[in-house]
Structure formats: structure tokens, C-alpha cells
PDB file of N, CA and C in Angstrom:
ATOM      1  N   MET A   1     -48.798  31.996-119.037  1.00  0.00           N
ATOM      2  CA  MET A   1     -49.340  33.331-119.038  1.00  0.00           C
ATOM      3  C   MET A   1     -50.862  33.214-119.104  1.00  0.00           C
ATOM      4  N   ASP A   2     -51.557  33.900-118.205  1.00  0.00           N
ATOM      5  CA  ASP A   2     -53.013  33.854-118.251  1.00  0.00           C
ATOM      6  C   ASP A   2     -53.536  34.981-119.145  1.00  0.00           C
ATOM      7  N   ASN A   3     -54.865  35.068-119.289  1.00  0.00           N
ATOM      8  CA  ASN A   3     -55.452  36.043-120.204  1.00  0.00           C
ATOM      9  C   ASN A   3     -55.151  37.482-119.815  1.00  0.00           C
ATOM     10  N   SER A   4     -55.079  37.788-118.523  1.00  0.00           N
ATOM     11  CA  SER A   4     -54.802  39.164-118.108  1.00  0.00           C
ATOM     12  C   SER A   4     -53.398  39.578-118.546  1.00  0.00           C
ATOM     13  N   GLU A   5     -52.442  38.655-118.525  1.00  0.00           N
ATOM     14  CA  GLU A   5     -51.087  38.966-118.970  1.00  0.00           C
ATOM     15  C   GLU A   5     -51.047  39.146-120.483  1.00  0.00           C
ATOM     16  N   THR A   6     -51.814  38.366-121.198  1.00  0.00           N
ATOM     17  CA  THR A   6     -51.852  38.461-122.654  1.00  0.00           C
ATOM     18  C   THR A   6     -52.414  39.809-123.078  1.00  0.00           C
ATOM     19  N   LYS A   7     -53.478  40.261-122.448  1.00  0.00           N
ATOM     20  CA  LYS A   7     -54.090  41.538-122.795  1.00  0.00           C
ATOM     21  C   LYS A   7     -53.164  42.703-122.475  1.00  0.00           C
ATOM     22  N   SER A   8     -52.428  42.624-121.390  1.00  0.00           N
ATOM     23  CA  SER A   8     -51.565  43.736-121.007  1.00  0.00           C
ATOM     24  C   SER A   8     -50.335  43.834-121.908  1.00  0.00           C
ATOM     25  N   ALA A   9     -50.009  42.791-122.625  1.00  0.00           N
ATOM     26  CA  ALA A   9     -48.841  42.815-123.498  1.00  0.00           C
ATOM     27  C   ALA A   9     -49.101  43.615-124.761  1.00  0.00           C
ATOM     28  N   GLY A  10     -50.323  43.950-125.061  1.00  0.00           N
ATOM     29  CA  GLY A  10     -50.644  44.722-126.252  1.00  0.00           C
ATOM     30  C   GLY A  10     -51.040  43.820-127.401  1.00  0.00           C
ATOM     31  N   PRO A  11     -51.452  44.443-128.491  1.00  0.00           N
ATOM     32  CA  PRO A  11     -51.885  43.647-129.646  1.00  0.00           C
ATOM     33  C   PRO A  11     -50.701  42.914-130.277  1.00  0.00           C
ATOM     34  N   ILE A  12     -51.011  41.780-130.834  1.00  0.00           N
ATOM     35  CA  ILE A  12     -49.981  40.990-131.513  1.00  0.00           C
ATOM     36  C   ILE A  12     -49.927  41.429-132.964  1.00  0.00           C
ATOM     37  N   GLU A  13     -48.721  41.827-133.408  1.00  0.00           N
ATOM     38  CA  GLU A  13     -48.554  42.262-134.790  1.00  0.00           C
ATOM     39  C   GLU A  13     -48.138  41.075-135.646  1.00  0.00           C
ATOM     40  N   PRO A  14     -48.579  41.055-136.885  1.00  0.00           N
ATOM     41  CA  PRO A  14     -48.136  39.988-137.786  1.00  0.00           C
ATOM     42  C   PRO A  14     -46.621  40.048-137.987  1.00  0.00           C
ATOM     43  N   ALA A  15     -46.042  38.908-138.282  1.00  0.00           N
ATOM     44  CA  ALA A  15     -44.591  38.837-138.463  1.00  0.00           C
ATOM     45  C   ALA A  15     -44.134  39.748-139.595  1.00  0.00           C
ATOM     46  N   SER A  16     -44.971  39.942-140.618  1.00  0.00           N
ATOM     47  CA  SER A  16     -44.574  40.799-141.739  1.00  0.00           C
ATOM     48  C   SER A  16     -44.362  42.239-141.279  1.00  0.00           C
ATOM     49  N   ASP A  17     -45.154  42.692-140.297  1.00  0.00           N
ATOM     50  CA  ASP A  17     -44.974  44.038-139.758  1.00  0.00           C
ATOM     51  C   ASP A  17     -43.618  44.147-139.076  1.00  0.00           C
ATOM     52  N   HIS A  18     -43.246  43.123-138.326  1.00  0.00           N
ATOM     53  CA  HIS A  18     -41.952  43.138-137.651  1.00  0.00           C
ATOM     54  C   HIS A  18     -40.821  43.107-138.672  1.00  0.00           C
ATOM     55  N   SER A  19     -40.988  42.343-139.718  1.00  0.00           N
ATOM     56  CA  SER A  19     -39.964  42.286-140.758  1.00  0.00           C
ATOM     57  C   SER A  19     -39.820  43.631-141.447  1.00  0.00           C
ATOM     58  N   GLU A  20     -40.929  44.280-141.708  1.00  0.00           N
ATOM     59  CA  GLU A  20     -40.882  45.590-142.351  1.00  0.00           C
ATOM     60  C   GLU A  20     -40.220  46.612-141.431  1.00  0.00           C
ATOM     61  N   ASN A  21     -40.558  46.567-140.143  1.00  0.00           N
ATOM     62  CA  ASN A  21     -39.932  47.477-139.186  1.00  0.00           C
ATOM     63  C   ASN A  21     -38.430  47.227-139.104  1.00  0.00           C
ATOM     64  N   ALA A  22     -38.038  45.971-139.093  1.00  0.00           N
ATOM     65  CA  ALA A  22     -36.615  45.632-139.028  1.00  0.00           C
ATOM     66  C   ALA A  22     -35.902  46.113-140.290  1.00  0.00           C
ATOM     67  N   ALA A  23     -36.525  45.959-141.438  1.00  0.00           N
ATOM     68  CA  ALA A  23     -35.926  46.403-142.695  1.00  0.00           C
ATOM     69  C   ALA A  23     -35.774  47.922-142.721  1.00  0.00           C
ATOM     70  N   GLN A  24     -36.786  48.640-142.227  1.00  0.00           N
ATOM     71  CA  GLN A  24     -36.704  50.100-142.180  1.00  0.00           C
ATOM     72  C   GLN A  24     -35.607  50.554-141.221  1.00  0.00           C
ATOM     73  N   CYS A  25     -35.499  49.890-140.096  1.00  0.00           N
ATOM     74  CA  CYS A  25     -34.462  50.215-139.120  1.00  0.00           C
ATOM     75  C   CYS A  25     -33.078  49.958-139.708  1.00  0.00           C
ATOM     76  N   ALA A  26     -32.919  48.833-140.383  1.00  0.00           N
ATOM     77  CA  ALA A  26     -31.634  48.501-140.999  1.00  0.00           C
ATOM     78  C   ALA A  26     -31.284  49.515-142.083  1.00  0.00           C
ATOM     79  N   ALA A  27     -32.258  49.910-142.877  1.00  0.00           N
ATOM     80  CA  ALA A  27     -32.012  50.896-143.932  1.00  0.00           C
ATOM     81  C   ALA A  27     -31.612  52.237-143.327  1.00  0.00           C
ATOM     82  N   SER A  28     -32.271  52.618-142.254  1.00  0.00           N
ATOM     83  CA  SER A  28     -31.933  53.867-141.579  1.00  0.00           C
ATOM     84  C   SER A  28     -30.515  53.809-141.017  1.00  0.00           C
ATOM     85  N   ASN A  29     -30.162  52.673-140.415  1.00  0.00           N
ATOM     86  CA  ASN A  29     -28.811  52.509-139.879  1.00  0.00           C
ATOM     87  C   ASN A  29     -27.773  52.568-140.987  1.00  0.00           C
ATOM     88  N   LEU A  30     -28.070  51.959-142.131  1.00  0.00           N
ATOM     89  CA  LEU A  30     -27.137  51.997-143.257  1.00  0.00           C
ATOM     90  C   LEU A  30     -26.966  53.418-143.792  1.00  0.00           C
ATOM     91  N   LEU A  31     -28.055  54.175-143.844  1.00  0.00           N
ATOM     92  CA  LEU A  31     -27.955  55.564-144.302  1.00  0.00           C
ATOM     93  C   LEU A  31     -27.119  56.392-143.333  1.00  0.00           C
ATOM     94  N   ASP A  32     -27.309  56.177-142.036  1.00  0.00           N
ATOM     95  CA  ASP A  32     -26.502  56.879-141.037  1.00  0.00           C
ATOM     96  C   ASP A  32     -25.026  56.520-141.194  1.00  0.00           C
ATOM     97  N   PHE A  33     -24.747  55.243-141.392  1.00  0.00           N
ATOM     98  CA  PHE A  33     -23.373  54.785-141.560  1.00  0.00           C
ATOM     99  C   PHE A  33     -22.749  55.377-142.817  1.00  0.00           C
ATOM    100  N   ALA A  34     -23.518  55.414-143.896  1.00  0.00           N
ATOM    101  CA  ALA A  34     -23.024  55.990-145.150  1.00  0.00           C
ATOM    102  C   ALA A  34     -22.709  57.472-144.969  1.00  0.00           C
ATOM    103  N   ALA A  35     -23.545  58.179-144.223  1.00  0.00           N
ATOM    104  CA  ALA A  35     -23.296  59.600-143.971  1.00  0.00           C
ATOM    105  C   ALA A  35     -22.022  59.785-143.147  1.00  0.00           C
ATOM    106  N   GLN A  36     -21.805  58.914-142.174  1.00  0.00           N
ATOM    107  CA  GLN A  36     -20.576  58.982-141.375  1.00  0.00           C
ATOM    108  C   GLN A  36     -19.351  58.702-142.244  1.00  0.00           C
ATOM    109  N   LEU A  37     -19.453  57.719-143.129  1.00  0.00           N
ATOM    110  CA  LEU A  37     -18.343  57.417-144.030  1.00  0.00           C
ATOM    111  C   LEU A  37     -18.055  58.585-144.974  1.00  0.00           C
ATOM    112  N   ALA A  38     -19.093  59.224-145.450  1.00  0.00           N
ATOM    113  CA  ALA A  38     -18.904  60.381-146.332  1.00  0.00           C
ATOM    114  C   ALA A  38     -18.203  61.506-145.577  1.00  0.00           C
ATOM    115  N   GLY A  39     -18.578  61.729-144.342  1.00  0.00           N
ATOM    116  CA  GLY A  39     -17.909  62.745-143.525  1.00  0.00           C
ATOM    117  C   GLY A  39     -16.454  62.402-143.284  1.00  0.00           C
ATOM    118  N   LEU A  40     -16.189  61.133-143.013  1.00  0.00           N
ATOM    119  CA  LEU A  40     -14.811  60.683-142.819  1.00  0.00           C
ATOM    120  C   LEU A  40     -13.996  60.872-144.092  1.00  0.00           C
ATOM    121  N   ALA A  41     -14.586  60.574-145.236  1.00  0.00           N
ATOM    122  CA  ALA A  41     -13.894  60.753-146.512  1.00  0.00           C
ATOM    123  C   ALA A  41     -13.536  62.220-146.730  1.00  0.00           C
ATOM    124  N   GLU A  42     -14.449  63.109-146.393  1.00  0.00           N
ATOM    125  CA  GLU A  42     -14.167  64.543-146.520  1.00  0.00           C
ATOM    126  C   GLU A  42     -13.031  64.956-145.592  1.00  0.00           C
ATOM    127  N   ASP A  43     -13.043  64.452-144.358  1.00  0.00           N
ATOM    128  CA  ASP A  43     -11.958  64.758-143.411  1.00  0.00           C
ATOM    129  C   ASP A  43     -10.620  64.248-143.934  1.00  0.00           C
ATOM    130  N   LEU A  44     -10.612  63.036-144.469  1.00  0.00           N
ATOM    131  CA  LEU A  44      -9.372  62.469-144.999  1.00  0.00           C
ATOM    132  C   LEU A  44      -8.872  63.251-146.216  1.00  0.00           C
ATOM    133  N   LYS A  45      -9.806  63.702-147.052  1.00  0.00           N
ATOM    134  CA  LYS A  45      -9.421  64.478-148.222  1.00  0.00           C
ATOM    135  C   LYS A  45      -8.796  65.804-147.780  1.00  0.00           C
ATOM    136  N   ALA A  46      -9.361  66.426-146.750  1.00  0.00           N
ATOM    137  CA  ALA A  46      -8.797  67.682-146.242  1.00  0.00           C
ATOM    138  C   ALA A  46      -7.417  67.450-145.633  1.00  0.00           C
ATOM    139  N   LEU A  47      -7.259  66.359-144.912  1.00  0.00           N
ATOM    140  CA  LEU A  47      -5.947  66.053-144.338  1.00  0.00           C
ATOM    141  C   LEU A  47      -4.918  65.757-145.418  1.00  0.00           C
ATOM    142  N   ALA A  48      -5.323  65.068-146.456  1.00  0.00           N
ATOM    143  CA  ALA A  48      -4.402  64.719-147.533  1.00  0.00           C
ATOM    144  C   ALA A  48      -3.931  65.965-148.282  1.00  0.00           C
ATOM    145  N   ALA A  49      -4.718  67.016-148.280  1.00  0.00           N
ATOM    146  CA  ALA A  49      -4.356  68.236-148.990  1.00  0.00           C
ATOM    147  C   ALA A  49      -3.341  69.073-148.208  1.00  0.00           C
ATOM    148  N   ARG A  50      -3.210  68.810-146.915  1.00  0.00           N
ATOM    149  CA  ARG A  50      -2.257  69.569-146.096  1.00  0.00           C
ATOM    150  C   ARG A  50      -0.862  68.968-146.214  1.00  0.00           C
ATOM    151  N   PRO A  51       0.139  69.815-146.312  1.00  0.00           N
ATOM    152  CA  PRO A  51       1.505  69.286-146.393  1.00  0.00           C
ATOM    153  C   PRO A  51       1.939  68.705-145.043  1.00  0.00           C
ATOM    154  N   ILE A  52       2.801  67.721-145.099  1.00  0.00           N
ATOM    155  CA  ILE A  52       3.345  67.129-143.881  1.00  0.00           C
ATOM    156  C   ILE A  52       4.549  67.958-143.464  1.00  0.00           C
ATOM    157  N   GLU A  53       4.504  68.487-142.260  1.00  0.00           N
ATOM    158  CA  GLU A  53       5.596  69.304-141.766  1.00  0.00           C
ATOM    159  C   GLU A  53       6.441  68.477-140.799  1.00  0.00           C
ATOM    160  N   PRO A  54       7.753  68.496-140.970  1.00  0.00           N
ATOM    161  CA  PRO A  54       8.604  67.730-140.055  1.00  0.00           C
ATOM    162  C   PRO A  54       8.591  68.347-138.657  1.00  0.00           C
ATOM    163  N   ILE A  55       8.696  67.489-137.657  1.00  0.00           N
ATOM    164  CA  ILE A  55       8.765  67.943-136.271  1.00  0.00           C
ATOM    165  C   ILE A  55      10.239  68.111-135.917  1.00  0.00           C
ATOM    166  N   PRO A  56      10.640  69.291-135.439  1.00  0.00           N
ATOM    167  CA  PRO A  56      12.047  69.466-135.055  1.00  0.00           C
ATOM    168  C   PRO A  56      12.429  68.487-133.942  1.00  0.00           C
ATOM    169  N   LEU A  57      13.624  67.943-134.018  1.00  0.00           N
ATOM    170  CA  LEU A  57      14.061  66.987-133.005  1.00  0.00           C
ATOM    171  C   LEU A  57      14.105  67.600-131.615  1.00  0.00           C
ATOM    172  N   ALA A  58      14.366  68.887-131.512  1.00  0.00           N
ATOM    173  CA  ALA A  58      14.401  69.551-130.203  1.00  0.00           C
ATOM    174  C   ALA A  58      13.039  69.486-129.524  1.00  0.00           C
ATOM    175  N   ALA A  59      11.981  69.459-130.293  1.00  0.00           N
ATOM    176  CA  ALA A  59      10.642  69.382-129.707  1.00  0.00           C
ATOM    177  C   ALA A  59      10.371  68.013-129.108  1.00  0.00           C
ATOM    178  N   LEU A  60      11.114  67.000-129.546  1.00  0.00           N
ATOM    179  CA  LEU A  60      10.926  65.653-129.027  1.00  0.00           C
ATOM    180  C   LEU A  60      11.777  65.371-127.783  1.00  0.00           C
ATOM    181  N   ASP A  61      12.763  66.232-127.503  1.00  0.00           N
ATOM    182  CA  ASP A  61      13.669  66.021-126.372  1.00  0.00           C
ATOM    183  C   ASP A  61      12.959  66.375-125.066  1.00  0.00           C
ATOM    184  N   PRO A  62      12.734  65.384-124.181  1.00  0.00           N
ATOM    185  CA  PRO A  62      11.994  65.658-122.937  1.00  0.00           C
ATOM    186  C   PRO A  62      12.823  66.414-121.908  1.00  0.00           C
ATOM    187  N   PHE A  63      14.119  66.568-122.106  1.00  0.00           N
ATOM    188  CA  PHE A  63      14.964  67.242-121.100  1.00  0.00           C
ATOM    189  C   PHE A  63      15.241  68.635-121.481  1.00  0.00           C
TER     190      PHE A  63
END
């Protein structure tokens, strides 16, 4: 790579900046995942509160 290519690539950030960015991204992803899990838990709790109703056998007969 010559100097013109180096300049066009932008400034070089220290590795600590990249590590901090990666840590922030990972934390954000974990928070998103936790929110999805909380939503799933609420859905499961609502489903668990509903009674299970039997399906009549006539409804299963394809003929």
C-alpha cells in the first residue's frame, strides 16, 4: 500500500478504542437479547395461564 492508499483509509485508531467499541457493541447486543428474553418470558407466562382445551377428534378427520 502506498501513501495515497494509507491516507484514504482514514485515521488509525488505537487498539483500545476498538476494544471499547467492541465492548459497547457487545453490551448493547446483550441488552437487546435480555429484552427479547423478557418478552418471551411474558409470552410464556400468558400462555401458561390459559387452560388447555382438547381438540375434538372430528376436527382432526380430513374426510
